[in-house]
Amino acid sequence: MKPMLYVANIDEAQITAPGPMVQAVVAHAKAENSRAIAFSGKIGVGIRRPDGGRGHGLPRGYGITSGGLDRLIVESTTCSA
């Protein structure tokens, strides 16, 4: 069985303290030897794109160092190992 990657879209309030639904997804993933990540798609909309398109960089005050899409790419490539 190949490992799965579960992705939870969260709101801003859950960035520093994931809610019970995110915790359940993480627990489920761990129980089946898979991975889970959570990020805010809403915040991700404001992140600057590499092509210089719309976006204003990472929002301050959330402690975010990379965008959700970047994390999804990294996790999905390492998940299949």
PDB file of N, CA and C in Angstrom:
ATOM      1  N   MET A   1       0.845  -1.186   0.000  1.00  0.00           N
ATOM      2  CA  MET A   1       0.000   0.000   0.000  1.00  0.00           C
ATOM      3  C   MET A   1       0.884   1.241   0.000  1.00  0.00           C
ATOM      4  N   LYS A   2       0.621   2.127  -0.938  1.00  0.00           N
ATOM      5  CA  LYS A   2       1.395   3.354  -1.018  1.00  0.00           C
ATOM      6  C   LYS A   2       0.899   4.342   0.028  1.00  0.00           C
ATOM      7  N   PRO A   3       1.815   5.148   0.576  1.00  0.00           N
ATOM      8  CA  PRO A   3       1.385   6.161   1.543  1.00  0.00           C
ATOM      9  C   PRO A   3       0.555   7.240   0.863  1.00  0.00           C
ATOM     10  N   MET A   4      -0.366   7.790   1.616  1.00  0.00           N
ATOM     11  CA  MET A   4      -1.242   8.856   1.128  1.00  0.00           C
ATOM     12  C   MET A   4      -0.759  10.185   1.710  1.00  0.00           C
ATOM     13  N   LEU A   5      -1.147  11.250   1.062  1.00  0.00           N
ATOM     14  CA  LEU A   5      -0.909  12.589   1.577  1.00  0.00           C
ATOM     15  C   LEU A   5      -2.265  13.257   1.718  1.00  0.00           C
ATOM     16  N   TYR A   6      -2.642  13.565   2.949  1.00  0.00           N
ATOM     17  CA  TYR A   6      -3.898  14.243   3.233  1.00  0.00           C
ATOM     18  C   TYR A   6      -3.616  15.733   3.378  1.00  0.00           C
ATOM     19  N   VAL A   7      -4.473  16.547   2.790  1.00  0.00           N
ATOM     20  CA  VAL A   7      -4.306  17.995   2.834  1.00  0.00           C
ATOM     21  C   VAL A   7      -5.554  18.614   3.443  1.00  0.00           C
ATOM     22  N   ALA A   8      -5.352  19.406   4.490  1.00  0.00           N
ATOM     23  CA  ALA A   8      -6.468  20.083   5.156  1.00  0.00           C
ATOM     24  C   ALA A   8      -6.362  21.582   4.900  1.00  0.00           C
ATOM     25  N   ASN A   9      -7.432  22.156   4.379  1.00  0.00           N
ATOM     26  CA  ASN A   9      -7.497  23.594   4.166  1.00  0.00           C
ATOM     27  C   ASN A   9      -8.064  24.220   5.437  1.00  0.00           C
ATOM     28  N   ILE A  10      -7.286  25.062   6.073  1.00  0.00           N
ATOM     29  CA  ILE A  10      -7.684  25.630   7.361  1.00  0.00           C
ATOM     30  C   ILE A  10      -7.881  27.138   7.249  1.00  0.00           C
ATOM     31  N   ASP A  11      -8.531  27.710   8.257  1.00  0.00           N
ATOM     32  CA  ASP A  11      -8.668  29.161   8.288  1.00  0.00           C
ATOM     33  C   ASP A  11      -7.521  29.758   9.100  1.00  0.00           C
ATOM     34  N   GLU A  12      -7.444  31.061   9.113  1.00  0.00           N
ATOM     35  CA  GLU A  12      -6.332  31.756   9.764  1.00  0.00           C
ATOM     36  C   GLU A  12      -6.202  31.422  11.240  1.00  0.00           C
ATOM     37  N   ALA A  13      -7.324  31.198  11.910  1.00  0.00           N
ATOM     38  CA  ALA A  13      -7.304  30.933  13.350  1.00  0.00           C
ATOM     39  C   ALA A  13      -6.630  29.610  13.688  1.00  0.00           C
ATOM     40  N   GLN A  14      -6.564  28.707  12.730  1.00  0.00           N
ATOM     41  CA  GLN A  14      -5.994  27.385  12.998  1.00  0.00           C
ATOM     42  C   GLN A  14      -4.513  27.260  12.621  1.00  0.00           C
ATOM     43  N   ILE A  15      -3.928  28.326  12.126  1.00  0.00           N
ATOM     44  CA  ILE A  15      -2.531  28.245  11.706  1.00  0.00           C
ATOM     45  C   ILE A  15      -1.624  27.924  12.879  1.00  0.00           C
ATOM     46  N   THR A  16      -1.835  28.568  13.998  1.00  0.00           N
ATOM     47  CA  THR A  16      -0.985  28.308  15.161  1.00  0.00           C
ATOM     48  C   THR A  16      -1.570  27.248  16.085  1.00  0.00           C
ATOM     49  N   ALA A  17      -2.858  26.979  15.972  1.00  0.00           N
ATOM     50  CA  ALA A  17      -3.507  25.982  16.835  1.00  0.00           C
ATOM     51  C   ALA A  17      -4.550  25.212  16.011  1.00  0.00           C
ATOM     52  N   PRO A  18      -4.111  24.138  15.338  1.00  0.00           N
ATOM     53  CA  PRO A  18      -5.050  23.363  14.519  1.00  0.00           C
ATOM     54  C   PRO A  18      -6.240  22.851  15.320  1.00  0.00           C
ATOM     55  N   GLY A  19      -7.420  22.941  14.719  1.00  0.00           N
ATOM     56  CA  GLY A  19      -8.650  22.507  15.370  1.00  0.00           C
ATOM     57  C   GLY A  19      -8.804  20.992  15.390  1.00  0.00           C
ATOM     58  N   PRO A  20      -9.889  20.509  15.999  1.00  0.00           N
ATOM     59  CA  PRO A  20     -10.097  19.074  16.159  1.00  0.00           C
ATOM     60  C   PRO A  20     -10.216  18.305  14.842  1.00  0.00           C
ATOM     61  N   MET A  21     -10.765  18.922  13.810  1.00  0.00           N
ATOM     62  CA  MET A  21     -10.873  18.216  12.527  1.00  0.00           C
ATOM     63  C   MET A  21      -9.496  17.990  11.911  1.00  0.00           C
ATOM     64  N   VAL A  22      -8.632  18.998  11.990  1.00  0.00           N
ATOM     65  CA  VAL A  22      -7.268  18.850  11.474  1.00  0.00           C
ATOM     66  C   VAL A  22      -6.527  17.798  12.292  1.00  0.00           C
ATOM     67  N   GLN A  23      -6.694  17.840  13.599  1.00  0.00           N
ATOM     68  CA  GLN A  23      -6.044  16.849  14.464  1.00  0.00           C
ATOM     69  C   GLN A  23      -6.509  15.437  14.116  1.00  0.00           C
ATOM     70  N   ALA A  24      -7.777  15.279  13.779  1.00  0.00           N
ATOM     71  CA  ALA A  24      -8.308  13.966  13.398  1.00  0.00           C
ATOM     72  C   ALA A  24      -7.702  13.491  12.076  1.00  0.00           C
ATOM     73  N   VAL A  25      -7.549  14.402  11.126  1.00  0.00           N
ATOM     74  CA  VAL A  25      -6.934  14.042   9.843  1.00  0.00           C
ATOM     75  C   VAL A  25      -5.484  13.620  10.053  1.00  0.00           C
ATOM     76  N   VAL A  26      -4.756  14.360  10.861  1.00  0.00           N
ATOM     77  CA  VAL A  26      -3.359  14.031  11.153  1.00  0.00           C
ATOM     78  C   VAL A  26      -3.266  12.670  11.851  1.00  0.00           C
ATOM     79  N   ALA A  27      -4.134  12.430  12.810  1.00  0.00           N
ATOM     80  CA  ALA A  27      -4.136  11.146  13.523  1.00  0.00           C
ATOM     81  C   ALA A  27      -4.461   9.986  12.572  1.00  0.00           C
ATOM     82  N   HIS A  28      -5.420  10.192  11.690  1.00  0.00           N
ATOM     83  CA  HIS A  28      -5.786   9.164  10.721  1.00  0.00           C
ATOM     84  C   HIS A  28      -4.606   8.858   9.795  1.00  0.00           C
ATOM     85  N   ALA A  29      -3.970   9.895   9.309  1.00  0.00           N
ATOM     86  CA  ALA A  29      -2.816   9.713   8.427  1.00  0.00           C
ATOM     87  C   ALA A  29      -1.703   8.961   9.136  1.00  0.00           C
ATOM     88  N   LYS A  30      -1.428   9.348  10.363  1.00  0.00           N
ATOM     89  CA  LYS A  30      -0.365   8.698  11.134  1.00  0.00           C
ATOM     90  C   LYS A  30      -0.679   7.225  11.372  1.00  0.00           C
ATOM     91  N   ALA A  31      -1.948   6.917  11.643  1.00  0.00           N
ATOM     92  CA  ALA A  31      -2.350   5.531  11.916  1.00  0.00           C
ATOM     93  C   ALA A  31      -2.143   4.624  10.710  1.00  0.00           C
ATOM     94  N   GLU A  32      -2.202   5.187   9.517  1.00  0.00           N
ATOM     95  CA  GLU A  32      -2.010   4.354   8.329  1.00  0.00           C
ATOM     96  C   GLU A  32      -0.656   4.606   7.660  1.00  0.00           C
ATOM     97  N   ASN A  33       0.265   5.161   8.443  1.00  0.00           N
ATOM     98  CA  ASN A  33       1.634   5.415   7.985  1.00  0.00           C
ATOM     99  C   ASN A  33       1.664   6.345   6.766  1.00  0.00           C
ATOM    100  N   SER A  34       0.814   7.356   6.791  1.00  0.00           N
ATOM    101  CA  SER A  34       0.752   8.349   5.733  1.00  0.00           C
ATOM    102  C   SER A  34       1.096   9.709   6.320  1.00  0.00           C
ATOM    103  N   ARG A  35       0.946  10.750   5.526  1.00  0.00           N
ATOM    104  CA  ARG A  35       1.253  12.104   5.964  1.00  0.00           C
ATOM    105  C   ARG A  35       0.040  13.002   5.827  1.00  0.00           C
ATOM    106  N   ALA A  36       0.055  14.085   6.585  1.00  0.00           N
ATOM    107  CA  ALA A  36      -0.987  15.097   6.497  1.00  0.00           C
ATOM    108  C   ALA A  36      -0.353  16.469   6.668  1.00  0.00           C
ATOM    109  N   ILE A  37      -0.813  17.412   5.886  1.00  0.00           N
ATOM    110  CA  ILE A  37      -0.387  18.800   6.041  1.00  0.00           C
ATOM    111  C   ILE A  37      -1.631  19.672   6.078  1.00  0.00           C
ATOM    112  N   ALA A  38      -1.482  20.827   6.683  1.00  0.00           N
ATOM    113  CA  ALA A  38      -2.587  21.781   6.745  1.00  0.00           C
ATOM    114  C   ALA A  38      -2.048  23.148   6.362  1.00  0.00           C
ATOM    115  N   PHE A  39      -2.808  23.850   5.553  1.00  0.00           N
ATOM    116  CA  PHE A  39      -2.454  25.219   5.219  1.00  0.00           C
ATOM    117  C   PHE A  39      -3.699  25.985   4.829  1.00  0.00           C
ATOM    118  N   SER A  40      -3.575  27.293   4.828  1.00  0.00           N
ATOM    119  CA  SER A  40      -4.699  28.154   4.508  1.00  0.00           C
ATOM    120  C   SER A  40      -4.641  28.569   3.044  1.00  0.00           C
ATOM    121  N   GLY A  41      -5.591  28.085   2.268  1.00  0.00           N
ATOM    122  CA  GLY A  41      -5.679  28.486   0.872  1.00  0.00           C
ATOM    123  C   GLY A  41      -5.969  29.967   0.740  1.00  0.00           C
ATOM    124  N   LYS A  42      -6.734  30.511   1.674  1.00  0.00           N
ATOM    125  CA  LYS A  42      -7.084  31.933   1.633  1.00  0.00           C
ATOM    126  C   LYS A  42      -5.842  32.803   1.782  1.00  0.00           C
ATOM    127  N   ILE A  43      -4.985  32.428   2.712  1.00  0.00           N
ATOM    128  CA  ILE A  43      -3.744  33.185   2.892  1.00  0.00           C
ATOM    129  C   ILE A  43      -2.837  32.970   1.690  1.00  0.00           C
ATOM    130  N   GLY A  44      -2.843  31.773   1.145  1.00  0.00           N
ATOM    131  CA  GLY A  44      -2.006  31.466  -0.001  1.00  0.00           C
ATOM    132  C   GLY A  44      -2.300  32.314  -1.218  1.00  0.00           C
ATOM    133  N   VAL A  45      -3.534  32.813  -1.335  1.00  0.00           N
ATOM    134  CA  VAL A  45      -3.899  33.653  -2.468  1.00  0.00           C
ATOM    135  C   VAL A  45      -3.069  34.927  -2.483  1.00  0.00           C
ATOM    136  N   GLY A  46      -2.702  35.417  -1.314  1.00  0.00           N
ATOM    137  CA  GLY A  46      -1.953  36.670  -1.241  1.00  0.00           C
ATOM    138  C   GLY A  46      -0.455  36.521  -1.403  1.00  0.00           C
ATOM    139  N   ILE A  47       0.021  35.305  -1.567  1.00  0.00           N
ATOM    140  CA  ILE A  47       1.458  35.087  -1.665  1.00  0.00           C
ATOM    141  C   ILE A  47       1.957  35.445  -3.063  1.00  0.00           C
ATOM    142  N   ARG A  48       3.075  36.070  -3.108  1.00  0.00           N
ATOM    143  CA  ARG A  48       3.659  36.486  -4.379  1.00  0.00           C
ATOM    144  C   ARG A  48       4.000  35.276  -5.236  1.00  0.00           C
ATOM    145  N   ARG A  49       3.636  35.357  -6.484  1.00  0.00           N
ATOM    146  CA  ARG A  49       3.941  34.284  -7.420  1.00  0.00           C
ATOM    147  C   ARG A  49       5.342  34.485  -7.991  1.00  0.00           C
ATOM    148  N   PRO A  50       6.000  33.383  -8.357  1.00  0.00           N
ATOM    149  CA  PRO A  50       7.355  33.492  -8.918  1.00  0.00           C
ATOM    150  C   PRO A  50       7.411  34.318 -10.199  1.00  0.00           C
ATOM    151  N   ASP A  51       6.312  34.363 -10.954  1.00  0.00           N
ATOM    152  CA  ASP A  51       6.304  35.111 -12.210  1.00  0.00           C
ATOM    153  C   ASP A  51       6.035  36.600 -12.012  1.00  0.00           C
ATOM    154  N   GLY A  52       5.940  37.017 -10.753  1.00  0.00           N
ATOM    155  CA  GLY A  52       5.727  38.428 -10.465  1.00  0.00           C
ATOM    156  C   GLY A  52       4.279  38.856 -10.555  1.00  0.00           C
ATOM    157  N   GLY A  53       3.366  37.902 -10.640  1.00  0.00           N
ATOM    158  CA  GLY A  53       1.940  38.199 -10.736  1.00  0.00           C
ATOM    159  C   GLY A  53       1.379  38.707  -9.425  1.00  0.00           C
ATOM    160  N   ARG A  54       0.072  38.682  -9.322  1.00  0.00           N
ATOM    161  CA  ARG A  54      -0.607  39.193  -8.131  1.00  0.00           C
ATOM    162  C   ARG A  54      -0.101  38.532  -6.860  1.00  0.00           C
ATOM    163  N   GLY A  55      -0.222  39.252  -5.796  1.00  0.00           N
ATOM    164  CA  GLY A  55       0.181  38.752  -4.497  1.00  0.00           C
ATOM    165  C   GLY A  55       1.037  39.783  -3.795  1.00  0.00           C
ATOM    166  N   HIS A  56       1.112  39.675  -2.504  1.00  0.00           N
ATOM    167  CA  HIS A  56       1.835  40.664  -1.718  1.00  0.00           C
ATOM    168  C   HIS A  56       2.834  40.028  -0.765  1.00  0.00           C
ATOM    169  N   GLY A  57       3.278  38.835  -1.043  1.00  0.00           N
ATOM    170  CA  GLY A  57       4.221  38.175  -0.167  1.00  0.00           C
ATOM    171  C   GLY A  57       3.506  37.477   0.974  1.00  0.00           C
ATOM    172  N   LEU A  58       4.270  36.848   1.823  1.00  0.00           N
ATOM    173  CA  LEU A  58       3.694  36.109   2.945  1.00  0.00           C
ATOM    174  C   LEU A  58       3.143  37.072   3.985  1.00  0.00           C
ATOM    175  N   PRO A  59       1.939  36.835   4.468  1.00  0.00           N
ATOM    176  CA  PRO A  59       1.349  37.717   5.473  1.00  0.00           C
ATOM    177  C   PRO A  59       2.158  37.702   6.771  1.00  0.00           C
ATOM    178  N   ARG A  60       2.328  38.851   7.333  1.00  0.00           N
ATOM    179  CA  ARG A  60       3.062  38.946   8.599  1.00  0.00           C
ATOM    180  C   ARG A  60       2.178  38.523   9.759  1.00  0.00           C
ATOM    181  N   GLY A  61       2.804  38.057  10.817  1.00  0.00           N
ATOM    182  CA  GLY A  61       2.072  37.728  12.025  1.00  0.00           C
ATOM    183  C   GLY A  61       1.600  36.288  12.104  1.00  0.00           C
ATOM    184  N   TYR A  62       1.752  35.518  11.034  1.00  0.00           N
ATOM    185  CA  TYR A  62       1.328  34.125  11.058  1.00  0.00           C
ATOM    186  C   TYR A  62       2.491  33.164  11.255  1.00  0.00           C
ATOM    187  N   GLY A  63       3.712  33.638  11.114  1.00  0.00           N
ATOM    188  CA  GLY A  63       4.866  32.773  11.245  1.00  0.00           C
ATOM    189  C   GLY A  63       5.038  31.842  10.052  1.00  0.00           C
ATOM    190  N   ILE A  64       4.490  32.209   8.909  1.00  0.00           N
ATOM    191  CA  ILE A  64       4.569  31.380   7.712  1.00  0.00           C
ATOM    192  C   ILE A  64       5.872  31.683   6.983  1.00  0.00           C
ATOM    193  N   THR A  65       6.614  30.643   6.663  1.00  0.00           N
ATOM    194  CA  THR A  65       7.882  30.837   5.962  1.00  0.00           C
ATOM    195  C   THR A  65       7.825  30.386   4.512  1.00  0.00           C
ATOM    196  N   SER A  66       6.792  29.616   4.163  1.00  0.00           N
ATOM    197  CA  SER A  66       6.620  29.212   2.769  1.00  0.00           C
ATOM    198  C   SER A  66       5.133  29.044   2.496  1.00  0.00           C
ATOM    199  N   GLY A  67       4.779  29.132   1.226  1.00  0.00           N
ATOM    200  CA  GLY A  67       3.380  29.015   0.843  1.00  0.00           C
ATOM    201  C   GLY A  67       2.887  27.580   0.901  1.00  0.00           C
ATOM    202  N   GLY A  68       1.581  27.435   1.005  1.00  0.00           N
ATOM    203  CA  GLY A  68       0.971  26.113   1.066  1.00  0.00           C
ATOM    204  C   GLY A  68       1.240  25.282  -0.168  1.00  0.00           C
ATOM    205  N   LEU A  69       1.229  25.923  -1.339  1.00  0.00           N
ATOM    206  CA  LEU A  69       1.501  25.192  -2.570  1.00  0.00           C
ATOM    207  C   LEU A  69       2.928  24.651  -2.567  1.00  0.00           C
ATOM    208  N   ASP A  70       3.874  25.450  -2.088  1.00  0.00           N
ATOM    209  CA  ASP A  70       5.258  24.985  -1.988  1.00  0.00           C
ATOM    210  C   ASP A  70       5.350  23.769  -1.069  1.00  0.00           C
ATOM    211  N   ARG A  71       4.683  23.837   0.072  1.00  0.00           N
ATOM    212  CA  ARG A  71       4.696  22.710   1.014  1.00  0.00           C
ATOM    213  C   ARG A  71       4.051  21.478   0.404  1.00  0.00           C
ATOM    214  N   LEU A  72       2.950  21.681  -0.320  1.00  0.00           N
ATOM    215  CA  LEU A  72       2.253  20.570  -0.959  1.00  0.00           C
ATOM    216  C   LEU A  72       3.161  19.879  -1.977  1.00  0.00           C
ATOM    217  N   ILE A  73       3.882  20.663  -2.755  1.00  0.00           N
ATOM    218  CA  ILE A  73       4.803  20.094  -3.744  1.00  0.00           C
ATOM    219  C   ILE A  73       5.893  19.283  -3.061  1.00  0.00           C
ATOM    220  N   VAL A  74       6.517  19.861  -2.045  1.00  0.00           N
ATOM    221  CA  VAL A  74       7.598  19.156  -1.342  1.00  0.00           C
ATOM    222  C   VAL A  74       7.083  17.883  -0.700  1.00  0.00           C
ATOM    223  N   GLU A  75       5.972  17.974   0.021  1.00  0.00           N
ATOM    224  CA  GLU A  75       5.425  16.797   0.695  1.00  0.00           C
ATOM    225  C   GLU A  75       4.994  15.714  -0.288  1.00  0.00           C
ATOM    226  N   SER A  76       4.429  16.117  -1.414  1.00  0.00           N
ATOM    227  CA  SER A  76       3.964  15.111  -2.371  1.00  0.00           C
ATOM    228  C   SER A  76       5.127  14.393  -3.040  1.00  0.00           C
ATOM    229  N   THR A  77       6.240  15.067  -3.204  1.00  0.00           N
ATOM    230  CA  THR A  77       7.391  14.395  -3.821  1.00  0.00           C
ATOM    231  C   THR A  77       8.101  13.496  -2.827  1.00  0.00           C
ATOM    232  N   THR A  78       8.075  13.834  -1.544  1.00  0.00           N
ATOM    233  CA  THR A  78       8.730  12.989  -0.546  1.00  0.00           C
ATOM    234  C   THR A  78       7.810  11.896  -0.029  1.00  0.00           C
ATOM    235  N   CYS A  79       6.512  12.052  -0.227  1.00  0.00           N
ATOM    236  CA  CYS A  79       5.539  11.077   0.263  1.00  0.00           C
ATOM    237  C   CYS A  79       5.615   9.773  -0.518  1.00  0.00           C
ATOM    238  N   SER A  80       5.990   9.821  -1.764  1.00  0.00           N
ATOM    239  CA  SER A  80       5.981   8.618  -2.595  1.00  0.00           C
ATOM    240  C   SER A  80       7.228   7.765  -2.394  1.00  0.00           C
ATOM    241  N   ALA A  81       8.135   8.211  -1.568  1.00  0.00           N
ATOM    242  CA  ALA A  81       9.386   7.459  -1.353  1.00  0.00           C
ATOM    243  C   ALA A  81       9.151   6.179  -0.591  1.00  0.00           C
TER     244      ALA A  81
END
